[in-house]
Protein backbone atom coordinates (compact mmCIF):
# COMPACT_ATOMS: atom_id res chain seq x y z
CA UNK A 1 97.04 72.85 95.04
CA UNK A 2 96.46 69.56 96.60
CA UNK A 3 94.66 70.47 99.76
CA UNK A 4 94.79 72.75 102.74
CA UNK A 5 96.23 72.32 106.39
CA UNK A 6 93.94 73.71 109.11
CA UNK A 7 94.59 73.89 112.91
CA UNK A 8 93.62 75.99 116.11
CA UNK A 9 96.76 77.83 117.08
CA UNK A 10 95.63 79.93 120.12
CA UNK A 11 92.96 82.23 121.24
CA UNK A 12 92.13 85.97 121.64
CA UNK A 13 92.20 87.57 125.22
CA UNK A 14 88.34 86.98 125.25
CA UNK A 15 88.67 83.33 124.45
CA UNK A 16 87.79 83.27 120.68
CA UNK A 17 89.65 80.50 118.96
CA UNK A 18 92.26 81.48 116.31
CA UNK A 19 92.80 79.10 113.35
CA UNK A 20 95.49 78.91 110.89
CA UNK A 21 95.04 77.63 107.21
CA UNK A 22 98.11 76.81 105.06
CA UNK A 23 97.47 76.85 101.23
CA UNK A 24 99.76 75.76 98.43
CA UNK A 25 103.05 73.61 98.25
CA UNK A 26 106.43 73.94 97.12
CA UNK A 27 108.01 75.06 94.64
CA UNK A 28 104.92 77.43 94.35
CA UNK A 29 103.73 79.90 96.94
CA UNK A 30 102.75 78.48 100.42
CA UNK A 31 100.45 80.98 102.14
CA UNK A 32 99.67 80.92 105.86
CA UNK A 33 96.35 82.56 106.76
CA UNK A 34 95.05 83.38 110.27
CA UNK A 35 91.54 83.91 111.31
CA UNK A 36 92.72 86.73 113.54
CA UNK A 37 92.53 89.83 111.36
CA UNK A 38 91.78 87.54 108.32
CA UNK A 39 95.52 88.05 107.83
CA UNK A 40 98.27 86.84 105.55
CA UNK A 41 100.74 85.61 108.24
CA UNK A 42 103.34 84.21 106.03
CA UNK A 43 103.92 84.21 102.11
CA UNK A 44 106.66 81.75 101.06
CA UNK A 45 107.84 81.90 97.53
CA UNK A 46 110.83 80.67 95.36
CA UNK A 47 112.82 83.67 94.06
CA UNK A 48 114.32 84.03 90.82
CA UNK A 49 117.60 82.97 92.43
CA UNK A 50 116.00 79.60 93.44
CA UNK A 51 115.81 80.25 97.12
CA UNK A 52 112.59 80.01 99.03
CA UNK A 53 111.75 82.85 101.52
CA UNK A 54 108.90 84.49 103.51
CA UNK A 55 108.29 87.78 101.83
CA UNK A 56 105.75 89.32 104.29
CA UNK A 57 106.53 90.67 107.77
CA UNK A 58 104.80 88.92 110.53
CA UNK A 59 105.08 87.66 114.15
CA UNK A 60 105.98 84.31 115.79
CA UNK A 61 103.14 84.48 118.40
CA UNK A 62 99.66 85.69 118.69
CA UNK A 63 100.62 87.70 121.73
CA UNK A 64 103.17 89.77 119.63
CA UNK A 65 100.50 90.17 116.87
CA UNK A 66 97.81 91.33 119.25
CA UNK A 67 100.37 93.75 121.04
CA UNK A 68 101.32 95.06 117.71
CA UNK A 69 100.18 98.25 116.06
CA UNK A 70 101.42 97.76 112.55
CA UNK A 71 98.39 95.97 111.07
CA UNK A 72 100.67 93.24 109.81
CA UNK A 73 98.97 91.27 106.89
CA UNK A 74 95.60 92.12 108.14
CA UNK A 75 92.24 93.06 106.55
CA UNK A 76 91.68 96.62 107.97
CA UNK A 77 88.39 98.34 108.39
CA UNK A 78 85.51 99.35 108.70
CA UNK A 79 87.35 102.29 107.04
CA UNK A 80 91.00 101.80 106.02
CA UNK A 81 93.27 104.82 106.47
CA UNK A 82 92.32 108.09 108.17
CA UNK A 83 89.02 110.01 108.97
CA UNK A 84 90.03 113.35 110.28
CA UNK A 85 89.38 113.96 113.89
CA UNK A 86 87.02 110.87 113.99
CA UNK A 87 84.37 113.24 112.65
CA UNK A 88 82.31 111.07 110.19
CA UNK A 89 79.66 113.14 108.17
CA UNK A 90 76.66 110.84 107.01
CA UNK A 91 73.35 111.86 105.44
CA UNK A 92 71.58 111.44 108.83
CA UNK A 93 74.09 113.53 110.62
CA UNK A 94 77.55 113.43 111.96
CA UNK A 95 78.91 110.42 113.78
CA UNK A 96 81.97 110.41 116.27
CA UNK A 97 84.56 107.74 115.86
CA UNK A 98 87.34 106.85 118.44
CA UNK A 99 90.66 108.32 117.39
CA UNK A 100 93.89 106.42 117.54
CA UNK A 101 96.49 108.17 115.41
CA UNK A 102 97.48 111.75 116.26
CA UNK A 103 93.87 112.86 116.91
CA UNK A 104 92.46 110.97 113.88
CA UNK A 105 90.44 107.68 113.26
CA UNK A 106 92.85 105.28 111.60
CA UNK A 107 92.06 101.71 110.05
CA UNK A 108 88.75 101.20 111.91
CA UNK A 109 89.85 102.36 115.35
CA UNK A 110 91.73 101.00 118.33
CA UNK A 111 89.59 97.77 118.09
CA UNK A 112 89.44 97.54 114.37
CA UNK A 113 88.93 94.36 112.22
CA UNK A 114 92.64 93.48 112.33
CA UNK A 115 92.19 92.38 116.16
CA UNK A 116 89.09 90.39 115.58
CA UNK A 117 88.83 86.55 115.44
CA UNK A 118 87.08 86.11 112.19
CA UNK A 119 84.75 82.99 111.65
CA UNK A 120 86.53 80.45 109.26
CA UNK A 121 83.55 79.42 107.23
CA UNK A 122 85.12 77.37 104.66
CA UNK A 123 88.66 76.02 103.87
CA UNK A 124 89.10 73.88 100.81
CA UNK A 125 91.01 73.50 97.55
CA UNK A 126 89.00 76.20 95.99
CA UNK A 127 88.93 78.99 98.69
CA UNK A 128 89.30 80.03 102.25
CA UNK A 129 86.23 82.12 103.35
CA UNK A 130 86.44 84.19 106.54
CA UNK A 131 83.33 86.09 107.92
CA UNK A 132 82.86 88.83 110.58
CA UNK A 133 79.82 90.27 112.09
CA UNK A 134 80.40 93.89 112.94
CA UNK A 135 77.41 95.23 115.06
CA UNK A 136 75.54 98.42 114.88
CA UNK A 137 77.83 100.89 116.86
CA UNK A 138 81.02 98.95 116.40
CA UNK A 139 83.78 101.44 116.74
CA UNK A 140 81.11 104.15 116.50
CA UNK A 141 80.03 103.25 113.04
CA UNK A 142 76.23 103.06 112.43
CA UNK A 143 74.79 99.88 110.94
CA UNK A 144 75.34 96.23 111.42
CA UNK A 145 77.82 95.00 108.73
CA UNK A 146 78.29 91.51 107.57
CA UNK A 147 82.05 91.14 106.10
CA UNK A 148 83.40 88.29 104.04
CA UNK A 149 86.93 87.92 103.03
CA UNK A 150 87.64 85.04 100.57
CA UNK A 151 91.16 83.99 99.52
CA UNK A 152 92.02 82.03 96.44
CA UNK A 153 95.42 80.57 95.54
CA UNK A 154 95.61 80.08 91.82
CA UNK A 155 99.23 79.14 90.63
CA UNK A 156 101.53 82.02 91.63
CA UNK A 157 98.47 84.42 92.29
CA UNK A 158 96.68 84.93 95.73
CA UNK A 159 93.43 86.70 95.31
CA UNK A 160 91.34 88.42 98.03
CA UNK A 161 87.64 89.28 97.43
CA UNK A 162 86.18 91.44 100.15
CA UNK A 163 82.34 91.95 100.43
CA UNK A 164 80.39 93.99 103.15
CA UNK A 165 76.59 94.37 103.45
CA UNK A 166 74.94 96.80 105.90
CA UNK A 167 71.45 97.27 107.31
CA UNK A 168 71.80 100.97 107.80
CA UNK A 169 73.68 103.68 106.02
CA UNK A 170 77.38 103.66 107.04
CA UNK A 171 80.79 103.78 105.18
CA UNK A 172 82.90 101.07 104.11
CA UNK A 173 86.57 101.14 102.84
CA UNK A 174 88.19 97.61 103.31
CA UNK A 175 91.84 97.08 102.61
CA UNK A 176 94.83 94.71 103.13
CA UNK A 177 97.79 95.77 105.05
CA UNK A 178 100.79 93.43 104.29
CA UNK A 179 104.30 94.58 104.56
CA UNK A 180 106.47 93.03 101.58
CA UNK A 181 110.13 92.35 101.64
CA UNK A 182 111.08 90.47 98.56
CA UNK A 183 114.51 89.66 99.87
CA UNK A 184 113.07 87.94 102.83
CA UNK A 185 111.94 88.54 106.34
CA UNK A 186 114.83 89.60 108.46
CA UNK A 187 117.14 90.62 105.40
CA UNK A 188 117.15 94.33 106.28
CA UNK A 189 115.40 97.30 104.47
CA UNK A 190 113.69 97.43 101.18
CA UNK A 191 115.97 100.31 100.02
CA UNK A 192 117.25 98.56 97.06
CA UNK A 193 113.74 97.38 95.85
CA UNK A 194 112.24 99.09 92.97
CA UNK A 195 108.60 100.26 92.88
CA UNK A 196 106.42 101.17 89.83
CA UNK A 197 103.03 102.69 90.19
CA UNK A 198 100.87 103.88 87.25
CA UNK A 199 99.46 106.89 89.08
CA UNK A 200 99.36 110.34 87.60
CA UNK A 201 98.25 112.21 90.79
CA UNK A 202 98.86 112.03 94.50
CA UNK A 203 97.29 113.42 97.63
CA UNK A 204 99.50 115.92 99.75
CA UNK A 205 98.89 115.68 103.46
CA UNK A 206 99.18 117.80 106.50
CA UNK A 207 101.74 116.70 109.27
CA UNK A 208 99.16 114.31 110.73
CA UNK A 209 98.51 112.39 107.50
CA UNK A 210 95.25 113.98 106.53
CA UNK A 211 94.88 114.99 102.85
CA UNK A 212 94.89 118.74 102.29
CA UNK A 213 92.12 118.43 99.69
CA UNK A 214 93.72 119.37 96.25
CA UNK A 215 95.40 116.47 94.38
CA UNK A 216 98.67 117.15 92.76
CA UNK A 217 100.47 116.02 89.58
CA UNK A 218 103.19 113.53 90.35
CA UNK A 219 105.48 115.03 87.52
CA UNK A 220 108.72 116.39 88.94
CA UNK A 221 108.03 114.74 92.54
CA UNK A 222 109.21 111.51 94.20
CA UNK A 223 105.80 110.42 93.88
CA UNK A 224 106.23 109.80 90.20
CA UNK A 225 106.70 106.12 90.17
CA UNK A 226 105.31 105.73 86.69
CA UNK A 227 108.69 104.46 85.79
CA UNK A 228 110.17 102.00 88.47
CA UNK A 229 112.36 103.79 91.10
CA UNK A 230 114.66 102.63 93.84
CA UNK A 231 112.86 103.06 97.16
CA UNK A 232 115.90 104.09 99.06
CA UNK A 233 116.29 107.07 96.65
CA UNK A 234 112.53 107.89 97.05
CA UNK A 235 112.43 108.02 100.85
CA UNK A 236 115.53 110.14 100.91
CA UNK A 237 114.25 112.79 98.58
CA UNK A 238 114.47 116.22 100.13
CA UNK A 239 110.78 116.88 99.09
CA UNK A 240 109.18 118.33 102.22
CA UNK A 241 106.34 115.78 102.20
CA UNK A 242 108.75 112.98 102.27
CA UNK A 243 110.97 114.46 104.90
CA UNK A 244 108.05 115.05 107.16
CA UNK A 245 107.03 111.27 106.81
CA UNK A 246 109.84 110.49 107.10
CA UNK A 247 109.18 108.52 104.10
CA UNK A 248 106.16 107.74 102.01
CA UNK A 249 102.59 107.44 103.69
CA UNK A 250 100.63 108.73 100.84
CA UNK A 251 97.62 108.10 98.58
CA UNK A 252 98.65 107.59 94.82
CA UNK A 253 95.56 108.16 92.64
CA UNK A 254 95.33 105.64 90.00
CA UNK A 255 93.30 107.70 87.38
CA UNK A 256 90.01 107.21 85.88
CA UNK A 257 88.88 103.63 85.83
CA UNK A 258 85.62 101.32 85.64
CA UNK A 259 86.21 99.34 88.70
CA UNK A 260 88.04 96.40 86.79
CA UNK A 261 91.05 94.56 88.17
CA UNK A 262 94.15 96.12 86.72
CA UNK A 263 97.93 96.26 87.74
CA UNK A 264 98.44 99.20 90.30
CA UNK A 265 101.97 98.29 91.55
CA UNK A 266 105.15 96.27 90.42
CA UNK A 267 107.62 95.79 93.31
CA UNK A 268 110.92 93.98 92.52
CA UNK A 269 113.90 92.85 94.55
CA UNK A 270 117.04 92.92 92.23
CA UNK A 271 118.97 90.89 94.77
CA UNK A 272 116.70 87.93 94.69
CA UNK A 273 115.26 88.51 91.28
CA UNK A 274 111.79 88.33 92.77
CA UNK A 275 108.79 90.27 91.58
CA UNK A 276 105.31 91.13 93.10
CA UNK A 277 102.65 92.32 90.76
CA UNK A 278 99.66 93.80 92.56
CA UNK A 279 96.21 94.18 90.91
CA UNK A 280 93.26 96.04 92.31
CA UNK A 281 90.00 97.59 91.37
CA UNK A 282 90.31 100.45 93.88
CA UNK A 283 90.93 104.20 92.79
CA UNK A 284 93.82 104.69 95.29
CA UNK A 285 96.88 103.06 96.50
CA UNK A 286 98.37 104.01 99.92
CA UNK A 287 102.18 103.52 99.69
CA UNK A 288 103.60 103.30 103.14
CA UNK A 289 107.32 102.58 103.64
CA UNK A 290 107.14 101.49 107.15
CA UNK A 291 108.01 104.96 108.59
CA UNK A 292 106.68 104.11 112.06
CA UNK A 293 108.37 100.68 112.47
CA UNK A 294 110.62 101.75 115.27
CA UNK A 295 111.94 98.39 116.48
CA UNK A 296 109.53 98.04 119.43
CA UNK A 297 107.54 95.20 117.64
CA UNK A 298 109.14 91.73 117.49
CA UNK A 299 109.08 90.00 114.22
CA UNK A 300 110.02 86.50 112.99
CA UNK A 301 112.80 84.84 114.90
CA UNK A 302 112.84 87.72 117.52
CA UNK A 303 114.03 90.20 115.06
CA UNK A 304 112.38 93.60 115.55
CA UNK A 305 110.53 95.47 112.84
CA UNK A 306 112.55 98.55 112.00
CA UNK A 307 111.85 101.61 109.75
CA UNK A 308 111.94 100.45 106.07
CA UNK A 309 111.97 96.72 106.76
CA UNK A 310 109.03 96.48 104.49
CA UNK A 311 106.57 98.31 102.20
CA UNK A 312 102.87 98.29 102.46
CA UNK A 313 100.91 98.61 99.31
CA UNK A 314 97.23 99.27 100.28
CA UNK A 315 94.58 99.39 97.87
CA UNK A 316 91.66 101.50 99.00
CA UNK A 317 89.39 104.44 98.53
CA UNK A 318 91.14 107.64 99.07
CA UNK A 319 91.85 108.69 102.73
CA UNK A 320 89.26 110.83 104.55
CA UNK A 321 87.01 110.44 101.58
CA UNK A 322 83.90 111.31 103.69
CA UNK A 323 85.20 114.83 104.03
CA UNK A 324 85.73 115.16 100.14
CA UNK A 325 82.33 114.55 98.34
CA UNK A 326 83.93 114.87 94.88
CA UNK A 327 85.95 111.81 95.45
CA UNK A 328 84.73 108.36 95.14
CA UNK A 329 82.25 107.60 97.82
CA UNK A 330 82.52 105.00 100.77
CA UNK A 331 78.89 105.44 101.68
CA UNK A 332 76.93 102.32 101.70
CA UNK A 333 73.08 102.37 102.14
CA UNK A 334 71.04 99.80 103.83
CA UNK A 335 70.84 96.51 101.82
CA UNK A 336 73.74 97.50 99.69
CA UNK A 337 76.91 95.26 99.22
CA UNK A 338 80.48 96.79 98.86
CA UNK A 339 82.94 94.76 97.02
CA UNK A 340 86.65 95.04 96.47
CA UNK A 341 89.18 92.77 94.88
CA UNK A 342 93.06 92.61 95.30
CA UNK A 343 95.49 89.90 93.99
CA UNK A 344 99.24 89.37 94.49
CA UNK A 345 101.35 87.52 91.90
CA UNK A 346 104.85 86.63 93.36
CA UNK A 347 107.47 84.88 91.45
CA UNK A 348 110.95 85.27 89.66
CA UNK A 349 111.58 88.54 87.92
């Protein structure tokens, strides 16, 4: 990497400047980052067929991004995924959080971190560091939280390190919410992509996306992705949980681990001979096949985002974990720091 390109590209409705940083150079990955949501706005790579493409869904304007409800490419939090009924149990007593998804709290609430103008603290050949101060009571959460998102582009790999430190007991479950289409933005659905996830269990959910409690074995279900499967076949499986989706919006449990970075998903486009290898240190991976992309959001070139146009692979703690004390805990005590890492390696398959 020879340097970075940095520019102010607009502002939030309350006047906070939004900056863009561009990392990398062809023929390797070129990544556009926005301080709005600490998001990956573009990820341009050379496929195995020799053609360069943007492989993450995004928007042409800040207005479209701010109006959207898809969390495209953003860091989501303070708690990624759902907390049932906005009811957050904590050692000091229950806390009420605002609800924004079928009566539940999703991805940090209606004004989550994906809509914030993060502070661009550093941008150089080594890293892009974005910082966010989330005050006590932000979206109902107790404790002032200092959040840092650090991106590094190393060869064909983009790495994201997330850190959060609190001054009062709270919960933290940060994740990243890019939608991938390795055939290129605007190319249609990801039905012909194959996906492999080394998970042996999954979390069945109720009709509103809340885990029912007991984890289930993936064997004999469409959630068995231990061998790569075509996504179009998975999302059209007659399994009741898939039909209700419609599609996948489920947590896959990655088995026992010690918090080290390891491969948690491999996504491949046979058409463009392009592969994404996702690594994470989280215990779960939410696989979301864009079930609620209904064409109302405007994507690149004015093309609407429709169901199945991308797949989100979200490494995280398990959904609604505050209500499941036997699952890995999201609770963070005063003075403690939460850390999570995810990396994406994209190139020819």
